[in-house]
Amino acid sequence: MSDHVYKLIELTGSSPKGIEAAIENAVARAAKSVRNMRWFEVTGTRGHIENGKVAHYQVTLKVGFTLED
């Protein structure tokens, strides 16, 4: 395994379907413009309540990607 240097970005994904879908939405969108993503860490979760029910989930995550030579 070679030595790696990572850069971090912070993303917030959202979804009415759940936390996993919010994470997947954030990663999928970032993948359109960020190369070499390797890992993520969830740093926060929150949601939106309407009429006494959970209506929307938001998940903030750090995403690490390797820098190119």
PDB file of N, CA and C in Angstrom:
ATOM      1  N   MET A   1       0.845  -1.182   0.000  1.00  0.00           N
ATOM      2  CA  MET A   1       0.000   0.000   0.000  1.00  0.00           C
ATOM      3  C   MET A   1       0.883   1.236   0.000  1.00  0.00           C
ATOM      4  N   SER A   2       0.624   2.139  -0.915  1.00  0.00           N
ATOM      5  CA  SER A   2       1.433   3.350  -0.989  1.00  0.00           C
ATOM      6  C   SER A   2       0.922   4.394  -0.002  1.00  0.00           C
ATOM      7  N   ASP A   3       1.750   5.391   0.235  1.00  0.00           N
ATOM      8  CA  ASP A   3       1.353   6.492   1.112  1.00  0.00           C
ATOM      9  C   ASP A   3       0.320   7.351   0.389  1.00  0.00           C
ATOM     10  N   HIS A   4      -0.685   7.788   1.128  1.00  0.00           N
ATOM     11  CA  HIS A   4      -1.725   8.625   0.534  1.00  0.00           C
ATOM     12  C   HIS A   4      -1.824   9.935   1.298  1.00  0.00           C
ATOM     13  N   VAL A   5      -2.190  10.972   0.581  1.00  0.00           N
ATOM     14  CA  VAL A   5      -2.555  12.244   1.186  1.00  0.00           C
ATOM     15  C   VAL A   5      -3.998  12.498   0.795  1.00  0.00           C
ATOM     16  N   TYR A   6      -4.811  12.834   1.777  1.00  0.00           N
ATOM     17  CA  TYR A   6      -6.237  13.041   1.536  1.00  0.00           C
ATOM     18  C   TYR A   6      -6.603  14.500   1.716  1.00  0.00           C
ATOM     19  N   LYS A   7      -7.569  14.926   0.964  1.00  0.00           N
ATOM     20  CA  LYS A   7      -8.188  16.225   1.161  1.00  0.00           C
ATOM     21  C   LYS A   7      -9.607  15.957   1.625  1.00  0.00           C
ATOM     22  N   LEU A   8     -10.125  16.810   2.505  1.00  0.00           N
ATOM     23  CA  LEU A   8     -11.474  16.639   3.029  1.00  0.00           C
ATOM     24  C   LEU A   8     -12.392  17.728   2.499  1.00  0.00           C
ATOM     25  N   ILE A   9     -13.611  17.332   2.215  1.00  0.00           N
ATOM     26  CA  ILE A   9     -14.671  18.287   1.929  1.00  0.00           C
ATOM     27  C   ILE A   9     -15.845  17.948   2.835  1.00  0.00           C
ATOM     28  N   GLU A  10     -16.681  18.923   3.088  1.00  0.00           N
ATOM     29  CA  GLU A  10     -17.865  18.690   3.908  1.00  0.00           C
ATOM     30  C   GLU A  10     -19.092  18.838   3.025  1.00  0.00           C
ATOM     31  N   LEU A  11     -19.991  17.869   3.119  1.00  0.00           N
ATOM     32  CA  LEU A  11     -21.216  17.844   2.329  1.00  0.00           C
ATOM     33  C   LEU A  11     -22.415  17.673   3.245  1.00  0.00           C
ATOM     34  N   THR A  12     -23.556  18.147   2.809  1.00  0.00           N
ATOM     35  CA  THR A  12     -24.806  17.847   3.492  1.00  0.00           C
ATOM     36  C   THR A  12     -25.778  17.323   2.459  1.00  0.00           C
ATOM     37  N   GLY A  13     -26.195  16.074   2.642  1.00  0.00           N
ATOM     38  CA  GLY A  13     -27.164  15.450   1.759  1.00  0.00           C
ATOM     39  C   GLY A  13     -28.527  15.442   2.421  1.00  0.00           C
ATOM     40  N   SER A  14     -29.569  15.391   1.617  1.00  0.00           N
ATOM     41  CA  SER A  14     -30.913  15.363   2.174  1.00  0.00           C
ATOM     42  C   SER A  14     -31.786  14.377   1.414  1.00  0.00           C
ATOM     43  N   SER A  15     -32.820  13.903   2.113  1.00  0.00           N
ATOM     44  CA  SER A  15     -33.765  12.974   1.502  1.00  0.00           C
ATOM     45  C   SER A  15     -34.989  12.828   2.400  1.00  0.00           C
ATOM     46  N   PRO A  16     -36.154  12.689   1.811  1.00  0.00           N
ATOM     47  CA  PRO A  16     -37.339  12.367   2.605  1.00  0.00           C
ATOM     48  C   PRO A  16     -37.401  10.883   2.952  1.00  0.00           C
ATOM     49  N   LYS A  17     -36.538  10.073   2.339  1.00  0.00           N
ATOM     50  CA  LYS A  17     -36.597   8.615   2.509  1.00  0.00           C
ATOM     51  C   LYS A  17     -35.850   8.108   3.740  1.00  0.00           C
ATOM     52  N   GLY A  18     -34.795   8.811   4.175  1.00  0.00           N
ATOM     53  CA  GLY A  18     -34.049   8.341   5.327  1.00  0.00           C
ATOM     54  C   GLY A  18     -32.605   8.797   5.313  1.00  0.00           C
ATOM     55  N   ILE A  19     -31.900   8.429   6.378  1.00  0.00           N
ATOM     56  CA  ILE A  19     -30.513   8.843   6.564  1.00  0.00           C
ATOM     57  C   ILE A  19     -29.607   8.234   5.501  1.00  0.00           C
ATOM     58  N   GLU A  20     -29.773   6.947   5.224  1.00  0.00           N
ATOM     59  CA  GLU A  20     -28.916   6.303   4.217  1.00  0.00           C
ATOM     60  C   GLU A  20     -29.103   6.944   2.851  1.00  0.00           C
ATOM     61  N   ALA A  21     -30.329   7.251   2.494  1.00  0.00           N
ATOM     62  CA  ALA A  21     -30.597   7.889   1.204  1.00  0.00           C
ATOM     63  C   ALA A  21     -29.977   9.284   1.155  1.00  0.00           C
ATOM     64  N   ALA A  22     -29.986  10.001   2.260  1.00  0.00           N
ATOM     65  CA  ALA A  22     -29.368  11.325   2.308  1.00  0.00           C
ATOM     66  C   ALA A  22     -27.858  11.228   2.084  1.00  0.00           C
ATOM     67  N   ILE A  23     -27.224  10.229   2.699  1.00  0.00           N
ATOM     68  CA  ILE A  23     -25.783  10.001   2.496  1.00  0.00           C
ATOM     69  C   ILE A  23     -25.512   9.659   1.028  1.00  0.00           C
ATOM     70  N   GLU A  24     -26.287   8.743   0.494  1.00  0.00           N
ATOM     71  CA  GLU A  24     -26.092   8.323  -0.895  1.00  0.00           C
ATOM     72  C   GLU A  24     -26.300   9.486  -1.858  1.00  0.00           C
ATOM     73  N   ASN A  25     -27.263  10.359  -1.590  1.00  0.00           N
ATOM     74  CA  ASN A  25     -27.483  11.523  -2.446  1.00  0.00           C
ATOM     75  C   ASN A  25     -26.274  12.453  -2.429  1.00  0.00           C
ATOM     76  N   ALA A  26     -25.712  12.690  -1.257  1.00  0.00           N
ATOM     77  CA  ALA A  26     -24.548  13.568  -1.158  1.00  0.00           C
ATOM     78  C   ALA A  26     -23.353  12.988  -1.902  1.00  0.00           C
ATOM     79  N   VAL A  27     -23.089  11.715  -1.698  1.00  0.00           N
ATOM     80  CA  VAL A  27     -21.932  11.074  -2.348  1.00  0.00           C
ATOM     81  C   VAL A  27     -22.123  11.019  -3.862  1.00  0.00           C
ATOM     82  N   ALA A  28     -23.323  10.682  -4.303  1.00  0.00           N
ATOM     83  CA  ALA A  28     -23.594  10.585  -5.744  1.00  0.00           C
ATOM     84  C   ALA A  28     -23.427  11.938  -6.421  1.00  0.00           C
ATOM     85  N   ARG A  29     -23.894  12.978  -5.786  1.00  0.00           N
ATOM     86  CA  ARG A  29     -23.764  14.310  -6.386  1.00  0.00           C
ATOM     87  C   ARG A  29     -22.304  14.747  -6.421  1.00  0.00           C
ATOM     88  N   ALA A  30     -21.569  14.510  -5.342  1.00  0.00           N
ATOM     89  CA  ALA A  30     -20.153  14.883  -5.306  1.00  0.00           C
ATOM     90  C   ALA A  30     -19.354  14.111  -6.348  1.00  0.00           C
ATOM     91  N   ALA A  31     -19.733  12.866  -6.598  1.00  0.00           N
ATOM     92  CA  ALA A  31     -19.006  12.026  -7.558  1.00  0.00           C
ATOM     93  C   ALA A  31     -19.037  12.598  -8.975  1.00  0.00           C
ATOM     94  N   LYS A  32     -19.959  13.514  -9.249  1.00  0.00           N
ATOM     95  CA  LYS A  32     -20.023  14.139 -10.576  1.00  0.00           C
ATOM     96  C   LYS A  32     -18.869  15.102 -10.805  1.00  0.00           C
ATOM     97  N   SER A  33     -18.254  15.604  -9.711  1.00  0.00           N
ATOM     98  CA  SER A  33     -17.181  16.573  -9.894  1.00  0.00           C
ATOM     99  C   SER A  33     -15.931  16.304  -9.050  1.00  0.00           C
ATOM    100  N   VAL A  34     -15.994  15.348  -8.137  1.00  0.00           N
ATOM    101  CA  VAL A  34     -14.844  15.039  -7.284  1.00  0.00           C
ATOM    102  C   VAL A  34     -14.352  13.636  -7.623  1.00  0.00           C
ATOM    103  N   ARG A  35     -13.073  13.522  -7.954  1.00  0.00           N
ATOM    104  CA  ARG A  35     -12.495  12.220  -8.278  1.00  0.00           C
ATOM    105  C   ARG A  35     -11.807  11.623  -7.056  1.00  0.00           C
ATOM    106  N   ASN A  36     -11.632  10.328  -7.068  1.00  0.00           N
ATOM    107  CA  ASN A  36     -10.833   9.593  -6.081  1.00  0.00           C
ATOM    108  C   ASN A  36     -11.392   9.646  -4.655  1.00  0.00           C
ATOM    109  N   MET A  37     -12.706   9.722  -4.514  1.00  0.00           N
ATOM    110  CA  MET A  37     -13.288   9.687  -3.167  1.00  0.00           C
ATOM    111  C   MET A  37     -13.039   8.308  -2.576  1.00  0.00           C
ATOM    112  N   ARG A  38     -12.649   8.271  -1.299  1.00  0.00           N
ATOM    113  CA  ARG A  38     -12.267   7.011  -0.668  1.00  0.00           C
ATOM    114  C   ARG A  38     -13.075   6.663   0.565  1.00  0.00           C
ATOM    115  N   TRP A  39     -13.523   7.647   1.339  1.00  0.00           N
ATOM    116  CA  TRP A  39     -14.225   7.335   2.575  1.00  0.00           C
ATOM    117  C   TRP A  39     -15.100   8.514   2.981  1.00  0.00           C
ATOM    118  N   PHE A  40     -16.014   8.254   3.899  1.00  0.00           N
ATOM    119  CA  PHE A  40     -16.809   9.334   4.467  1.00  0.00           C
ATOM    120  C   PHE A  40     -17.013   9.089   5.955  1.00  0.00           C
ATOM    121  N   GLU A  41     -17.289  10.169   6.664  1.00  0.00           N
ATOM    122  CA  GLU A  41     -17.576  10.120   8.094  1.00  0.00           C
ATOM    123  C   GLU A  41     -18.783  11.004   8.356  1.00  0.00           C
ATOM    124  N   VAL A  42     -19.818  10.448   8.948  1.00  0.00           N
ATOM    125  CA  VAL A  42     -20.997  11.236   9.288  1.00  0.00           C
ATOM    126  C   VAL A  42     -20.669  12.088  10.510  1.00  0.00           C
ATOM    127  N   THR A  43     -20.857  13.397  10.381  1.00  0.00           N
ATOM    128  CA  THR A  43     -20.551  14.312  11.479  1.00  0.00           C
ATOM    129  C   THR A  43     -21.801  14.917  12.101  1.00  0.00           C
ATOM    130  N   GLY A  44     -22.930  14.763  11.447  1.00  0.00           N
ATOM    131  CA  GLY A  44     -24.150  15.310  12.019  1.00  0.00           C
ATOM    132  C   GLY A  44     -25.388  14.810  11.303  1.00  0.00           C
ATOM    133  N   THR A  45     -26.460  14.701  12.047  1.00  0.00           N
ATOM    134  CA  THR A  45     -27.755  14.344  11.456  1.00  0.00           C
ATOM    135  C   THR A  45     -28.805  15.272  12.039  1.00  0.00           C
ATOM    136  N   ARG A  46     -29.745  15.612  11.209  1.00  0.00           N
ATOM    137  CA  ARG A  46     -30.869  16.420  11.663  1.00  0.00           C
ATOM    138  C   ARG A  46     -32.034  16.174  10.714  1.00  0.00           C
ATOM    139  N   GLY A  47     -33.174  16.695  11.069  1.00  0.00           N
ATOM    140  CA  GLY A  47     -34.340  16.481  10.226  1.00  0.00           C
ATOM    141  C   GLY A  47     -35.329  17.612  10.347  1.00  0.00           C
ATOM    142  N   HIS A  48     -36.334  17.511   9.534  1.00  0.00           N
ATOM    143  CA  HIS A  48     -37.394  18.511   9.469  1.00  0.00           C
ATOM    144  C   HIS A  48     -38.695  17.818   9.858  1.00  0.00           C
ATOM    145  N   ILE A  49     -39.453  18.476  10.710  1.00  0.00           N
ATOM    146  CA  ILE A  49     -40.716  17.909  11.190  1.00  0.00           C
ATOM    147  C   ILE A  49     -41.881  18.726  10.641  1.00  0.00           C
ATOM    148  N   GLU A  50     -42.871  18.024  10.097  1.00  0.00           N
ATOM    149  CA  GLU A  50     -44.105  18.660   9.639  1.00  0.00           C
ATOM    150  C   GLU A  50     -45.292  17.903  10.205  1.00  0.00           C
ATOM    151  N   ASN A  51     -46.207  18.610  10.802  1.00  0.00           N
ATOM    152  CA  ASN A  51     -47.426  18.013  11.359  1.00  0.00           C
ATOM    153  C   ASN A  51     -47.132  16.851  12.306  1.00  0.00           C
ATOM    154  N   GLY A  52     -46.091  17.012  13.120  1.00  0.00           N
ATOM    155  CA  GLY A  52     -45.762  16.003  14.109  1.00  0.00           C
ATOM    156  C   GLY A  52     -45.098  14.750  13.567  1.00  0.00           C
ATOM    157  N   LYS A  53     -44.632  14.794  12.303  1.00  0.00           N
ATOM    158  CA  LYS A  53     -43.975  13.632  11.694  1.00  0.00           C
ATOM    159  C   LYS A  53     -42.671  14.064  11.027  1.00  0.00           C
ATOM    160  N   VAL A  54     -41.738  13.125  10.974  1.00  0.00           N
ATOM    161  CA  VAL A  54     -40.478  13.392  10.278  1.00  0.00           C
ATOM    162  C   VAL A  54     -40.771  13.510   8.788  1.00  0.00           C
ATOM    163  N   ALA A  55     -40.376  14.646   8.215  1.00  0.00           N
ATOM    164  CA  ALA A  55     -40.651  14.890   6.805  1.00  0.00           C
ATOM    165  C   ALA A  55     -39.398  14.826   5.934  1.00  0.00           C
ATOM    166  N   HIS A  56     -38.240  15.089   6.534  1.00  0.00           N
ATOM    167  CA  HIS A  56     -37.025  15.198   5.738  1.00  0.00           C
ATOM    168  C   HIS A  56     -35.814  14.944   6.625  1.00  0.00           C
ATOM    169  N   TYR A  57     -34.811  14.288   6.098  1.00  0.00           N
ATOM    170  CA  TYR A  57     -33.564  14.010   6.812  1.00  0.00           C
ATOM    171  C   TYR A  57     -32.435  14.784   6.157  1.00  0.00           C
ATOM    172  N   GLN A  58     -31.509  15.287   6.966  1.00  0.00           N
ATOM    173  CA  GLN A  58     -30.288  15.905   6.475  1.00  0.00           C
ATOM    174  C   GLN A  58     -29.114  15.273   7.206  1.00  0.00           C
ATOM    175  N   VAL A  59     -28.078  14.928   6.452  1.00  0.00           N
ATOM    176  CA  VAL A  59     -26.889  14.307   7.033  1.00  0.00           C
ATOM    177  C   VAL A  59     -25.666  15.066   6.541  1.00  0.00           C
ATOM    178  N   THR A  60     -24.861  15.529   7.489  1.00  0.00           N
ATOM    179  CA  THR A  60     -23.612  16.207   7.149  1.00  0.00           C
ATOM    180  C   THR A  60     -22.487  15.197   7.273  1.00  0.00           C
ATOM    181  N   LEU A  61     -21.613  15.181   6.259  1.00  0.00           N
ATOM    182  CA  LEU A  61     -20.511  14.234   6.277  1.00  0.00           C
ATOM    183  C   LEU A  61     -19.242  14.855   5.738  1.00  0.00           C
ATOM    184  N   LYS A  62     -18.127  14.339   6.225  1.00  0.00           N
ATOM    185  CA  LYS A  62     -16.821  14.663   5.679  1.00  0.00           C
ATOM    186  C   LYS A  62     -16.487  13.567   4.684  1.00  0.00           C
ATOM    187  N   VAL A  63     -15.985  13.966   3.538  1.00  0.00           N
ATOM    188  CA  VAL A  63     -15.592  13.014   2.506  1.00  0.00           C
ATOM    189  C   VAL A  63     -14.112  13.206   2.244  1.00  0.00           C
ATOM    190  N   GLY A  64     -13.360  12.106   2.280  1.00  0.00           N
ATOM    191  CA  GLY A  64     -11.933  12.161   1.992  1.00  0.00           C
ATOM    192  C   GLY A  64     -11.657  11.634   0.599  1.00  0.00           C
ATOM    193  N   PHE A  65     -10.802  12.348  -0.114  1.00  0.00           N
ATOM    194  CA  PHE A  65     -10.395  11.874  -1.426  1.00  0.00           C
ATOM    195  C   PHE A  65      -8.895  12.046  -1.572  1.00  0.00           C
ATOM    196  N   THR A  66      -8.285  11.155  -2.354  1.00  0.00           N
ATOM    197  CA  THR A  66      -6.840  11.224  -2.544  1.00  0.00           C
ATOM    198  C   THR A  66      -6.499  12.295  -3.571  1.00  0.00           C
ATOM    199  N   LEU A  67      -5.391  12.959  -3.315  1.00  0.00           N
ATOM    200  CA  LEU A  67      -4.901  13.971  -4.257  1.00  0.00           C
ATOM    201  C   LEU A  67      -4.163  13.284  -5.399  1.00  0.00           C
ATOM    202  N   GLU A  68      -4.316  13.813  -6.581  1.00  0.00           N
ATOM    203  CA  GLU A  68      -3.637  13.258  -7.740  1.00  0.00           C
ATOM    204  C   GLU A  68      -2.207  13.788  -7.811  1.00  0.00           C
ATOM    205  N   ASP A  69      -1.333  12.990  -8.417  1.00  0.00           N
ATOM    206  CA  ASP A  69       0.068  13.423  -8.598  1.00  0.00           C
ATOM    207  C   ASP A  69       0.172  14.493  -9.647  1.00  0.00           C
TER     208      ASP A  69
END
